[in-house]
Amino acid sequence: MKHENIYKLTLTALMAALSYVIFTFLQIQITLPGGDATSFHLGNAVCVLGALLVGGVYGGIGGAIGMTIGDLFNPVYVVYAPKTFILKFCIGLITGLIAHKIGHISTSNDNKHVLKWTIIATVCGLGFNVVFDPLFGYFYKRVLMGKPAAEVALVWNITTTSVNAIISAVVAVIIYMALRPALKKANLFLTLK
């Protein structure tokens, strides 16, 4: 594809904008004791989708930038912006690594193979987040807010992160499998190696 780097940067910017909009305006926020909050959202689906479309680094950066900006503009989440950037980048990185370096989904023409590795990569990326978001958040909150508030938030964070992961995985896989043939037909599909 001609101008592949410009296309990758454009898709990264699009993923950043999508993750910001979805995280900021389409979330269900739950206020917790101590002024903290957690939320149900599909921002992680954008991280995964970006990693599947443009690779782990670009997809991770897109999702991380968008949701970090969302954190920075929300007074409740502003202190969690560094944590968000690191974790969302890792979701994209893990998903992209497994999908493209191990599963080779962009070079395969076998839809069953692509679906299988898309699901595996998505589960691994979001599975990382299910484990490390609450864990990282617990220690982060313990330092900032003290032990009792961190323990209450931990239970809620495990719940919301798990629900977010399940819904995001389903949405990301469905959208990727639908976009793939359309992008190929339009000669906009990236072959990543």
N, C-alpha and C. Protein backbone atom coordinates (compact mmCIF):
# COMPACT_ATOMS: atom_id res chain seq x y z
N MET A 1 0.85 -1.18 0.00
CA MET A 1 0.00 0.00 0.00
C MET A 1 0.89 1.24 0.00
N LYS A 2 0.53 2.20 -0.82
CA LYS A 2 1.26 3.45 -0.92
C LYS A 2 0.97 4.31 0.32
N HIS A 3 1.96 4.97 0.84
CA HIS A 3 1.83 5.85 2.01
C HIS A 3 1.34 5.09 3.25
N GLU A 4 1.91 3.93 3.49
CA GLU A 4 1.47 3.07 4.60
C GLU A 4 1.65 3.74 5.96
N ASN A 5 2.74 4.47 6.16
CA ASN A 5 2.97 5.12 7.45
C ASN A 5 1.93 6.20 7.74
N ILE A 6 1.56 6.95 6.72
CA ILE A 6 0.52 7.98 6.89
C ILE A 6 -0.80 7.32 7.23
N TYR A 7 -1.10 6.21 6.58
CA TYR A 7 -2.33 5.47 6.84
C TYR A 7 -2.35 4.94 8.28
N LYS A 8 -1.21 4.40 8.73
CA LYS A 8 -1.12 3.90 10.11
C LYS A 8 -1.34 5.03 11.12
N LEU A 9 -0.70 6.16 10.87
CA LEU A 9 -0.87 7.31 11.78
C LEU A 9 -2.31 7.81 11.77
N THR A 10 -2.94 7.81 10.61
CA THR A 10 -4.33 8.24 10.51
C THR A 10 -5.25 7.30 11.29
N LEU A 11 -5.04 6.00 11.13
CA LEU A 11 -5.85 5.03 11.88
C LEU A 11 -5.58 5.11 13.38
N THR A 12 -4.35 5.39 13.75
CA THR A 12 -4.01 5.56 15.16
C THR A 12 -4.75 6.76 15.74
N ALA A 13 -4.76 7.86 15.00
CA ALA A 13 -5.48 9.07 15.43
C ALA A 13 -6.99 8.79 15.52
N LEU A 14 -7.50 8.04 14.55
CA LEU A 14 -8.91 7.68 14.57
C LEU A 14 -9.24 6.82 15.80
N MET A 15 -8.36 5.87 16.13
CA MET A 15 -8.57 5.02 17.31
C MET A 15 -8.50 5.85 18.59
N ALA A 16 -7.59 6.83 18.62
CA ALA A 16 -7.50 7.71 19.79
C ALA A 16 -8.79 8.51 19.96
N ALA A 17 -9.28 9.05 18.86
CA ALA A 17 -10.53 9.83 18.93
C ALA A 17 -11.71 8.95 19.32
N LEU A 18 -11.80 7.76 18.72
CA LEU A 18 -12.89 6.83 19.06
C LEU A 18 -12.84 6.40 20.52
N SER A 19 -11.66 6.05 21.00
CA SER A 19 -11.57 5.60 22.39
C SER A 19 -11.91 6.73 23.34
N TYR A 20 -11.50 7.96 23.01
CA TYR A 20 -11.86 9.11 23.85
C TYR A 20 -13.37 9.30 23.89
N VAL A 21 -13.99 9.33 22.73
CA VAL A 21 -15.44 9.57 22.65
C VAL A 21 -16.22 8.45 23.36
N ILE A 22 -15.85 7.21 23.09
CA ILE A 22 -16.56 6.09 23.69
C ILE A 22 -16.36 6.06 25.20
N PHE A 23 -15.12 6.29 25.66
CA PHE A 23 -14.85 6.27 27.09
C PHE A 23 -15.51 7.45 27.80
N THR A 24 -15.47 8.61 27.19
CA THR A 24 -15.98 9.82 27.85
C THR A 24 -17.49 9.94 27.81
N PHE A 25 -18.09 9.68 26.67
CA PHE A 25 -19.51 9.97 26.50
C PHE A 25 -20.43 8.75 26.56
N LEU A 26 -19.88 7.55 26.44
CA LEU A 26 -20.73 6.36 26.43
C LEU A 26 -20.44 5.43 27.61
N GLN A 27 -19.98 6.00 28.70
CA GLN A 27 -19.69 5.18 29.87
C GLN A 27 -20.81 5.29 30.91
N ILE A 28 -20.91 4.27 31.72
CA ILE A 28 -21.81 4.31 32.87
C ILE A 28 -20.90 4.38 34.09
N GLN A 29 -20.83 5.56 34.69
CA GLN A 29 -19.91 5.79 35.81
C GLN A 29 -20.59 5.42 37.13
N ILE A 30 -19.84 4.75 37.99
CA ILE A 30 -20.33 4.36 39.31
C ILE A 30 -19.45 5.06 40.35
N THR A 31 -20.05 5.93 41.14
CA THR A 31 -19.32 6.65 42.18
C THR A 31 -19.11 5.73 43.37
N LEU A 32 -17.88 5.72 43.87
CA LEU A 32 -17.51 4.88 45.01
C LEU A 32 -17.25 5.75 46.23
N PRO A 33 -17.25 5.15 47.41
CA PRO A 33 -16.95 5.93 48.63
C PRO A 33 -15.57 6.57 48.54
N GLY A 34 -15.45 7.74 49.11
CA GLY A 34 -14.16 8.44 49.10
C GLY A 34 -13.95 9.30 47.87
N GLY A 35 -15.00 9.48 47.05
CA GLY A 35 -14.88 10.33 45.87
C GLY A 35 -14.29 9.64 44.66
N ASP A 36 -14.02 8.35 44.76
CA ASP A 36 -13.47 7.60 43.65
C ASP A 36 -14.61 7.12 42.74
N ALA A 37 -14.28 6.58 41.60
CA ALA A 37 -15.30 6.07 40.68
C ALA A 37 -14.72 4.97 39.81
N THR A 38 -15.60 4.18 39.26
CA THR A 38 -15.26 3.19 38.25
C THR A 38 -16.35 3.26 37.19
N SER A 39 -16.18 2.58 36.07
CA SER A 39 -17.21 2.72 35.04
C SER A 39 -17.27 1.50 34.12
N PHE A 40 -18.43 1.35 33.51
CA PHE A 40 -18.63 0.38 32.44
C PHE A 40 -18.47 1.17 31.14
N HIS A 41 -17.62 0.67 30.24
CA HIS A 41 -17.37 1.37 28.97
C HIS A 41 -16.81 0.39 27.94
N LEU A 42 -16.76 0.83 26.69
CA LEU A 42 -16.22 0.02 25.60
C LEU A 42 -14.91 0.59 25.05
N GLY A 43 -14.25 1.42 25.82
CA GLY A 43 -12.98 2.00 25.37
C GLY A 43 -11.92 0.95 25.06
N ASN A 44 -11.91 -0.14 25.84
CA ASN A 44 -10.92 -1.19 25.62
C ASN A 44 -11.15 -1.91 24.29
N ALA A 45 -12.39 -1.95 23.83
CA ALA A 45 -12.67 -2.57 22.53
C ALA A 45 -11.95 -1.82 21.42
N VAL A 46 -11.83 -0.51 21.57
CA VAL A 46 -11.12 0.30 20.57
C VAL A 46 -9.62 0.00 20.59
N CYS A 47 -9.06 -0.18 21.79
CA CYS A 47 -7.64 -0.57 21.89
C CYS A 47 -7.39 -1.88 21.14
N VAL A 48 -8.26 -2.85 21.38
CA VAL A 48 -8.12 -4.15 20.74
C VAL A 48 -8.31 -4.03 19.23
N LEU A 49 -9.35 -3.33 18.82
CA LEU A 49 -9.62 -3.16 17.40
C LEU A 49 -8.45 -2.48 16.70
N GLY A 50 -7.90 -1.45 17.32
CA GLY A 50 -6.74 -0.77 16.76
C GLY A 50 -5.55 -1.71 16.59
N ALA A 51 -5.32 -2.53 17.61
CA ALA A 51 -4.20 -3.49 17.54
C ALA A 51 -4.42 -4.52 16.44
N LEU A 52 -5.65 -4.93 16.24
CA LEU A 52 -5.95 -5.89 15.19
C LEU A 52 -5.80 -5.27 13.80
N LEU A 53 -6.13 -3.99 13.68
CA LEU A 53 -6.08 -3.32 12.39
C LEU A 53 -4.69 -2.81 12.01
N VAL A 54 -3.98 -2.19 12.94
CA VAL A 54 -2.71 -1.55 12.61
C VAL A 54 -1.52 -2.07 13.42
N GLY A 55 -1.71 -3.08 14.23
CA GLY A 55 -0.62 -3.65 15.01
C GLY A 55 -0.64 -3.16 16.45
N GLY A 56 0.12 -3.85 17.27
CA GLY A 56 0.10 -3.61 18.70
C GLY A 56 0.57 -2.24 19.13
N VAL A 57 1.66 -1.76 18.55
CA VAL A 57 2.20 -0.47 18.97
C VAL A 57 1.25 0.66 18.60
N TYR A 58 0.86 0.72 17.34
CA TYR A 58 -0.03 1.80 16.90
C TYR A 58 -1.41 1.69 17.56
N GLY A 59 -1.97 0.49 17.60
CA GLY A 59 -3.27 0.30 18.23
C GLY A 59 -3.25 0.62 19.71
N GLY A 60 -2.18 0.18 20.38
CA GLY A 60 -2.04 0.48 21.81
C GLY A 60 -1.89 1.96 22.08
N ILE A 61 -1.10 2.63 21.25
CA ILE A 61 -0.92 4.07 21.42
C ILE A 61 -2.23 4.82 21.19
N GLY A 62 -2.96 4.41 20.15
CA GLY A 62 -4.25 5.07 19.87
C GLY A 62 -5.21 4.95 21.04
N GLY A 63 -5.41 3.73 21.52
CA GLY A 63 -6.32 3.53 22.65
C GLY A 63 -5.82 4.20 23.92
N ALA A 64 -4.52 4.14 24.15
CA ALA A 64 -3.95 4.74 25.36
C ALA A 64 -4.09 6.26 25.35
N ILE A 65 -3.82 6.87 24.22
CA ILE A 65 -3.94 8.33 24.13
C ILE A 65 -5.38 8.77 24.34
N GLY A 66 -6.31 8.11 23.67
CA GLY A 66 -7.71 8.51 23.78
C GLY A 66 -8.25 8.39 25.19
N MET A 67 -8.00 7.26 25.84
CA MET A 67 -8.55 7.09 27.19
C MET A 67 -7.79 7.90 28.23
N THR A 68 -6.51 8.16 27.98
CA THR A 68 -5.75 9.02 28.90
C THR A 68 -6.27 10.45 28.82
N ILE A 69 -6.57 10.92 27.63
CA ILE A 69 -7.15 12.26 27.49
C ILE A 69 -8.51 12.30 28.19
N GLY A 70 -9.29 11.21 28.05
CA GLY A 70 -10.56 11.13 28.77
C GLY A 70 -10.37 11.24 30.28
N ASP A 71 -9.34 10.59 30.80
CA ASP A 71 -9.02 10.69 32.23
C ASP A 71 -8.62 12.11 32.61
N LEU A 72 -7.81 12.74 31.77
CA LEU A 72 -7.31 14.08 32.09
C LEU A 72 -8.42 15.12 32.14
N PHE A 73 -9.50 14.91 31.38
CA PHE A 73 -10.61 15.86 31.37
C PHE A 73 -11.69 15.53 32.41
N ASN A 74 -11.51 14.48 33.17
CA ASN A 74 -12.49 14.09 34.19
C ASN A 74 -11.85 14.27 35.56
N PRO A 75 -12.38 15.15 36.40
CA PRO A 75 -11.75 15.41 37.70
C PRO A 75 -11.62 14.16 38.59
N VAL A 76 -12.51 13.19 38.42
CA VAL A 76 -12.44 11.98 39.23
C VAL A 76 -11.28 11.08 38.77
N TYR A 77 -11.04 11.01 37.47
CA TYR A 77 -10.05 10.09 36.91
C TYR A 77 -8.68 10.72 36.65
N VAL A 78 -8.55 12.02 36.80
CA VAL A 78 -7.33 12.71 36.39
C VAL A 78 -6.07 12.10 37.03
N VAL A 79 -6.16 11.67 38.27
CA VAL A 79 -4.97 11.11 38.94
C VAL A 79 -4.59 9.74 38.39
N TYR A 80 -5.51 9.10 37.65
CA TYR A 80 -5.24 7.76 37.12
C TYR A 80 -4.73 7.77 35.68
N ALA A 81 -4.51 8.96 35.12
CA ALA A 81 -4.08 9.06 33.72
C ALA A 81 -2.80 8.28 33.43
N PRO A 82 -1.77 8.34 34.25
CA PRO A 82 -0.56 7.54 33.94
C PRO A 82 -0.84 6.04 33.93
N LYS A 83 -1.63 5.58 34.90
CA LYS A 83 -2.00 4.16 34.97
C LYS A 83 -2.78 3.76 33.72
N THR A 84 -3.71 4.59 33.31
CA THR A 84 -4.51 4.32 32.12
C THR A 84 -3.62 4.20 30.89
N PHE A 85 -2.70 5.13 30.71
CA PHE A 85 -1.85 5.10 29.53
C PHE A 85 -1.06 3.79 29.47
N ILE A 86 -0.45 3.42 30.56
CA ILE A 86 0.38 2.20 30.60
C ILE A 86 -0.47 0.96 30.32
N LEU A 87 -1.58 0.82 31.01
CA LEU A 87 -2.41 -0.40 30.87
C LEU A 87 -3.05 -0.51 29.50
N LYS A 88 -3.55 0.58 28.95
CA LYS A 88 -4.21 0.52 27.64
C LYS A 88 -3.19 0.28 26.53
N PHE A 89 -2.00 0.85 26.68
CA PHE A 89 -0.94 0.57 25.71
C PHE A 89 -0.60 -0.93 25.74
N CYS A 90 -0.54 -1.49 26.93
CA CYS A 90 -0.23 -2.92 27.07
C CYS A 90 -1.32 -3.81 26.46
N ILE A 91 -2.58 -3.41 26.59
CA ILE A 91 -3.66 -4.17 25.95
C ILE A 91 -3.39 -4.26 24.44
N GLY A 92 -3.12 -3.13 23.82
CA GLY A 92 -2.84 -3.10 22.38
C GLY A 92 -1.59 -3.88 22.02
N LEU A 93 -0.55 -3.69 22.80
CA LEU A 93 0.72 -4.37 22.53
C LEU A 93 0.57 -5.89 22.58
N ILE A 94 -0.09 -6.40 23.60
CA ILE A 94 -0.28 -7.84 23.75
C ILE A 94 -1.18 -8.39 22.65
N THR A 95 -2.28 -7.70 22.40
CA THR A 95 -3.21 -8.14 21.35
C THR A 95 -2.52 -8.17 19.99
N GLY A 96 -1.81 -7.11 19.66
CA GLY A 96 -1.12 -7.03 18.38
C GLY A 96 -0.02 -8.07 18.24
N LEU A 97 0.73 -8.27 19.30
CA LEU A 97 1.81 -9.26 19.26
C LEU A 97 1.26 -10.65 18.96
N ILE A 98 0.22 -11.03 19.67
CA ILE A 98 -0.34 -12.37 19.48
C ILE A 98 -1.04 -12.49 18.13
N ALA A 99 -1.81 -11.48 17.75
CA ALA A 99 -2.56 -11.54 16.50
C ALA A 99 -1.65 -11.56 15.28
N HIS A 100 -0.62 -10.73 15.28
CA HIS A 100 0.18 -10.56 14.07
C HIS A 100 1.50 -11.32 14.07
N LYS A 101 2.16 -11.40 15.20
CA LYS A 101 3.46 -12.08 15.24
C LYS A 101 3.32 -13.59 15.43
N ILE A 102 2.29 -14.01 16.16
CA ILE A 102 2.09 -15.44 16.40
C ILE A 102 1.01 -16.00 15.47
N GLY A 103 -0.15 -15.33 15.41
CA GLY A 103 -1.27 -15.82 14.60
C GLY A 103 -1.24 -15.43 13.15
N HIS A 104 -0.47 -14.40 12.80
CA HIS A 104 -0.33 -13.93 11.41
C HIS A 104 -1.70 -13.70 10.75
N ILE A 105 -2.59 -12.99 11.45
CA ILE A 105 -3.96 -12.83 10.93
C ILE A 105 -4.03 -11.95 9.70
N SER A 106 -3.11 -11.02 9.53
CA SER A 106 -3.21 -10.13 8.36
C SER A 106 -2.72 -10.77 7.07
N THR A 107 -1.99 -11.87 7.19
CA THR A 107 -1.51 -12.54 5.97
C THR A 107 -2.30 -13.80 5.65
N SER A 108 -3.18 -14.20 6.53
CA SER A 108 -3.95 -15.43 6.32
C SER A 108 -5.23 -15.14 5.53
N ASN A 109 -5.60 -16.08 4.67
CA ASN A 109 -6.87 -15.98 3.94
C ASN A 109 -7.90 -16.97 4.47
N ASP A 110 -7.53 -17.73 5.48
CA ASP A 110 -8.43 -18.71 6.09
C ASP A 110 -9.23 -18.03 7.20
N ASN A 111 -10.52 -17.82 6.98
CA ASN A 111 -11.35 -17.10 7.94
C ASN A 111 -11.42 -17.79 9.30
N LYS A 112 -11.38 -19.11 9.34
CA LYS A 112 -11.41 -19.82 10.62
C LYS A 112 -10.12 -19.55 11.40
N HIS A 113 -9.01 -19.57 10.70
CA HIS A 113 -7.72 -19.27 11.33
C HIS A 113 -7.72 -17.84 11.88
N VAL A 114 -8.19 -16.91 11.06
CA VAL A 114 -8.22 -15.50 11.46
C VAL A 114 -9.14 -15.32 12.67
N LEU A 115 -10.31 -15.91 12.64
CA LEU A 115 -11.24 -15.80 13.76
C LEU A 115 -10.64 -16.39 15.03
N LYS A 116 -10.04 -17.56 14.91
CA LYS A 116 -9.43 -18.22 16.08
C LYS A 116 -8.35 -17.33 16.71
N TRP A 117 -7.44 -16.81 15.91
CA TRP A 117 -6.34 -16.01 16.45
C TRP A 117 -6.81 -14.61 16.87
N THR A 118 -7.85 -14.11 16.25
CA THR A 118 -8.43 -12.84 16.68
C THR A 118 -9.00 -13.00 18.08
N ILE A 119 -9.72 -14.09 18.31
CA ILE A 119 -10.28 -14.35 19.64
C ILE A 119 -9.18 -14.57 20.67
N ILE A 120 -8.18 -15.38 20.32
CA ILE A 120 -7.08 -15.65 21.26
C ILE A 120 -6.35 -14.35 21.63
N ALA A 121 -6.03 -13.54 20.63
CA ALA A 121 -5.31 -12.28 20.88
C ALA A 121 -6.14 -11.33 21.73
N THR A 122 -7.43 -11.25 21.41
CA THR A 122 -8.33 -10.37 22.16
C THR A 122 -8.45 -10.82 23.61
N VAL A 123 -8.62 -12.11 23.82
CA VAL A 123 -8.74 -12.64 25.19
C VAL A 123 -7.45 -12.39 25.97
N CYS A 124 -6.31 -12.56 25.34
CA CYS A 124 -5.03 -12.34 26.03
C CYS A 124 -4.84 -10.87 26.39
N GLY A 125 -5.11 -9.97 25.46
CA GLY A 125 -4.97 -8.54 25.73
C GLY A 125 -5.89 -8.06 26.83
N LEU A 126 -7.16 -8.45 26.72
CA LEU A 126 -8.13 -8.02 27.74
C LEU A 126 -7.97 -8.82 29.02
N GLY A 127 -7.50 -10.06 28.93
CA GLY A 127 -7.22 -10.85 30.13
C GLY A 127 -6.12 -10.21 30.96
N PHE A 128 -5.10 -9.68 30.27
CA PHE A 128 -4.05 -8.92 30.96
C PHE A 128 -4.68 -7.78 31.74
N ASN A 129 -5.59 -7.06 31.10
CA ASN A 129 -6.23 -5.91 31.75
C ASN A 129 -7.09 -6.33 32.94
N VAL A 130 -7.78 -7.47 32.83
CA VAL A 130 -8.63 -7.94 33.93
C VAL A 130 -7.78 -8.21 35.17
N VAL A 131 -6.58 -8.70 34.98
CA VAL A 131 -5.71 -8.99 36.12
C VAL A 131 -5.00 -7.73 36.61
N PHE A 132 -4.39 -6.99 35.69
CA PHE A 132 -3.51 -5.91 36.12
C PHE A 132 -4.20 -4.58 36.38
N ASP A 133 -5.34 -4.29 35.77
CA ASP A 133 -6.02 -3.03 36.06
C ASP A 133 -6.45 -2.96 37.52
N PRO A 134 -7.18 -3.95 38.04
CA PRO A 134 -7.54 -3.88 39.46
C PRO A 134 -6.32 -3.94 40.39
N LEU A 135 -5.33 -4.75 40.04
CA LEU A 135 -4.14 -4.89 40.88
C LEU A 135 -3.35 -3.59 40.91
N PHE A 136 -3.06 -3.07 39.74
CA PHE A 136 -2.32 -1.81 39.62
C PHE A 136 -3.12 -0.70 40.30
N GLY A 137 -4.44 -0.70 40.06
CA GLY A 137 -5.32 0.31 40.67
C GLY A 137 -5.34 0.23 42.18
N TYR A 138 -5.33 -0.98 42.71
CA TYR A 138 -5.35 -1.16 44.17
C TYR A 138 -4.12 -0.52 44.80
N PHE A 139 -2.95 -0.84 44.27
CA PHE A 139 -1.73 -0.28 44.86
C PHE A 139 -1.64 1.22 44.62
N TYR A 140 -2.10 1.66 43.47
CA TYR A 140 -2.11 3.08 43.15
C TYR A 140 -3.02 3.83 44.12
N LYS A 141 -4.23 3.29 44.35
CA LYS A 141 -5.19 3.92 45.25
C LYS A 141 -4.76 3.82 46.70
N ARG A 142 -4.10 2.75 47.04
CA ARG A 142 -3.63 2.58 48.43
C ARG A 142 -2.63 3.68 48.77
N VAL A 143 -1.76 4.00 47.84
CA VAL A 143 -0.79 5.06 48.08
C VAL A 143 -1.48 6.42 48.12
N LEU A 144 -2.45 6.65 47.22
CA LEU A 144 -3.11 7.95 47.14
C LEU A 144 -4.20 8.17 48.19
N MET A 145 -4.98 7.10 48.48
CA MET A 145 -6.17 7.30 49.32
C MET A 145 -6.19 6.50 50.61
N GLY A 146 -5.29 5.60 50.79
CA GLY A 146 -5.28 4.80 52.01
C GLY A 146 -5.93 3.44 51.80
N LYS A 147 -5.69 2.54 52.72
CA LYS A 147 -6.09 1.15 52.60
C LYS A 147 -7.60 0.91 52.51
N PRO A 148 -8.45 1.48 53.40
CA PRO A 148 -9.89 1.16 53.34
C PRO A 148 -10.54 1.53 52.01
N ALA A 149 -10.22 2.70 51.48
CA ALA A 149 -10.81 3.13 50.20
C ALA A 149 -10.33 2.23 49.06
N ALA A 150 -9.07 1.83 49.12
CA ALA A 150 -8.51 0.97 48.07
C ALA A 150 -9.19 -0.40 48.06
N GLU A 151 -9.50 -0.93 49.24
CA GLU A 151 -10.14 -2.25 49.31
C GLU A 151 -11.57 -2.22 48.78
N VAL A 152 -12.31 -1.18 49.08
CA VAL A 152 -13.68 -1.04 48.56
C VAL A 152 -13.65 -0.90 47.04
N ALA A 153 -12.74 -0.07 46.55
CA ALA A 153 -12.63 0.16 45.11
C ALA A 153 -12.18 -1.11 44.37
N LEU A 154 -11.37 -1.94 45.02
CA LEU A 154 -10.86 -3.16 44.38
C LEU A 154 -11.99 -4.08 43.95
N VAL A 155 -12.97 -4.30 44.82
CA VAL A 155 -14.09 -5.19 44.49
C VAL A 155 -14.86 -4.65 43.29
N TRP A 156 -15.14 -3.37 43.30
CA TRP A 156 -15.87 -2.76 42.18
C TRP A 156 -15.04 -2.79 40.90
N ASN A 157 -13.74 -2.53 41.02
CA ASN A 157 -12.88 -2.53 39.83
C ASN A 157 -12.77 -3.91 39.20
N ILE A 158 -12.70 -4.94 40.00
CA ILE A 158 -12.66 -6.30 39.46
C ILE A 158 -13.94 -6.58 38.67
N THR A 159 -15.07 -6.18 39.24
CA THR A 159 -16.36 -6.41 38.58
C THR A 159 -16.47 -5.64 37.27
N THR A 160 -16.21 -4.34 37.31
CA THR A 160 -16.37 -3.54 36.09
C THR A 160 -15.34 -3.91 35.03
N THR A 161 -14.11 -4.19 35.44
CA THR A 161 -13.08 -4.57 34.48
C THR A 161 -13.42 -5.89 33.80
N SER A 162 -13.95 -6.84 34.56
CA SER A 162 -14.33 -8.14 33.99
C SER A 162 -15.48 -7.99 33.01
N VAL A 163 -16.50 -7.24 33.38
CA VAL A 163 -17.65 -7.01 32.49
C VAL A 163 -17.19 -6.27 31.24
N ASN A 164 -16.38 -5.22 31.43
CA ASN A 164 -15.86 -4.47 30.29
C ASN A 164 -15.08 -5.37 29.33
N ALA A 165 -14.28 -6.28 29.90
CA ALA A 165 -13.46 -7.17 29.07
C ALA A 165 -14.33 -8.10 28.23
N ILE A 166 -15.34 -8.68 28.83
CA ILE A 166 -16.20 -9.61 28.11
C ILE A 166 -16.93 -8.90 26.97
N ILE A 167 -17.54 -7.78 27.29
CA ILE A 167 -18.30 -7.05 26.27
C ILE A 167 -17.36 -6.49 25.20
N SER A 168 -16.21 -5.95 25.61
CA SER A 168 -15.24 -5.41 24.65
C SER A 168 -14.70 -6.49 23.73
N ALA A 169 -14.46 -7.68 24.26
CA ALA A 169 -13.95 -8.78 23.43
C ALA A 169 -14.95 -9.14 22.34
N VAL A 170 -16.19 -9.29 22.72
CA VAL A 170 -17.23 -9.65 21.74
C VAL A 170 -17.35 -8.56 20.68
N VAL A 171 -17.43 -7.31 21.12
CA VAL A 171 -17.60 -6.19 20.18
C VAL A 171 -16.39 -6.07 19.24
N ALA A 172 -15.18 -6.13 19.79
CA ALA A 172 -13.98 -5.98 18.96
C ALA A 172 -13.85 -7.08 17.92
N VAL A 173 -14.11 -8.32 18.32
CA VAL A 173 -14.00 -9.44 17.37
C VAL A 173 -15.04 -9.31 16.27
N ILE A 174 -16.27 -9.00 16.62
CA ILE A 174 -17.34 -8.85 15.62
C ILE A 174 -17.01 -7.72 14.64
N ILE A 175 -16.59 -6.58 15.16
CA ILE A 175 -16.29 -5.44 14.28
C ILE A 175 -15.08 -5.75 13.40
N TYR A 176 -14.03 -6.35 13.96
CA TYR A 176 -12.86 -6.68 13.14
C TYR A 176 -13.22 -7.65 12.02
N MET A 177 -13.96 -8.70 12.35
CA MET A 177 -14.31 -9.70 11.33
C MET A 177 -15.23 -9.10 10.26
N ALA A 178 -16.00 -8.08 10.61
CA ALA A 178 -16.86 -7.40 9.63
C ALA A 178 -16.05 -6.40 8.79
N LEU A 179 -15.11 -5.70 9.43
CA LEU A 179 -14.31 -4.70 8.72
C LEU A 179 -13.29 -5.31 7.78
N ARG A 180 -12.75 -6.45 8.13
CA ARG A 180 -11.67 -7.09 7.37
C ARG A 180 -11.99 -7.24 5.88
N PRO A 181 -13.10 -7.89 5.51
CA PRO A 181 -13.39 -8.02 4.07
C PRO A 181 -13.68 -6.68 3.39
N ALA A 182 -14.31 -5.76 4.12
CA ALA A 182 -14.60 -4.44 3.54
C ALA A 182 -13.31 -3.67 3.26
N LEU A 183 -12.36 -3.73 4.19
CA LEU A 183 -11.08 -3.05 3.99
C LEU A 183 -10.28 -3.69 2.86
N LYS A 184 -10.35 -5.02 2.76
CA LYS A 184 -9.66 -5.70 1.66
C LYS A 184 -10.24 -5.29 0.31
N LYS A 185 -11.56 -5.24 0.26
CA LYS A 185 -12.24 -4.88 -0.99
C LYS A 185 -11.88 -3.45 -1.41
N ALA A 186 -11.75 -2.56 -0.43
CA ALA A 186 -11.43 -1.16 -0.70
C ALA A 186 -9.92 -0.93 -0.85
N ASN A 187 -9.13 -2.01 -0.76
CA ASN A 187 -7.67 -1.94 -0.84
C ASN A 187 -7.07 -1.06 0.26
N LEU A 188 -7.68 -1.14 1.46
CA LEU A 188 -7.22 -0.38 2.62
C LEU A 188 -6.75 -1.29 3.76
N PHE A 189 -6.66 -2.58 3.50
CA PHE A 189 -6.27 -3.54 4.53
C PHE A 189 -4.75 -3.60 4.63
N LEU A 190 -4.23 -3.44 5.84
CA LEU A 190 -2.78 -3.51 6.05
C LEU A 190 -2.33 -4.95 6.26
N THR A 191 -1.27 -5.32 5.58
CA THR A 191 -0.65 -6.63 5.82
C THR A 191 0.53 -6.40 6.74
N LEU A 192 0.38 -6.84 7.97
CA LEU A 192 1.43 -6.64 8.98
C LEU A 192 2.25 -7.89 9.13
N LYS A 193 3.54 -7.72 9.31
CA LYS A 193 4.44 -8.87 9.46
C LYS A 193 5.15 -8.85 10.76
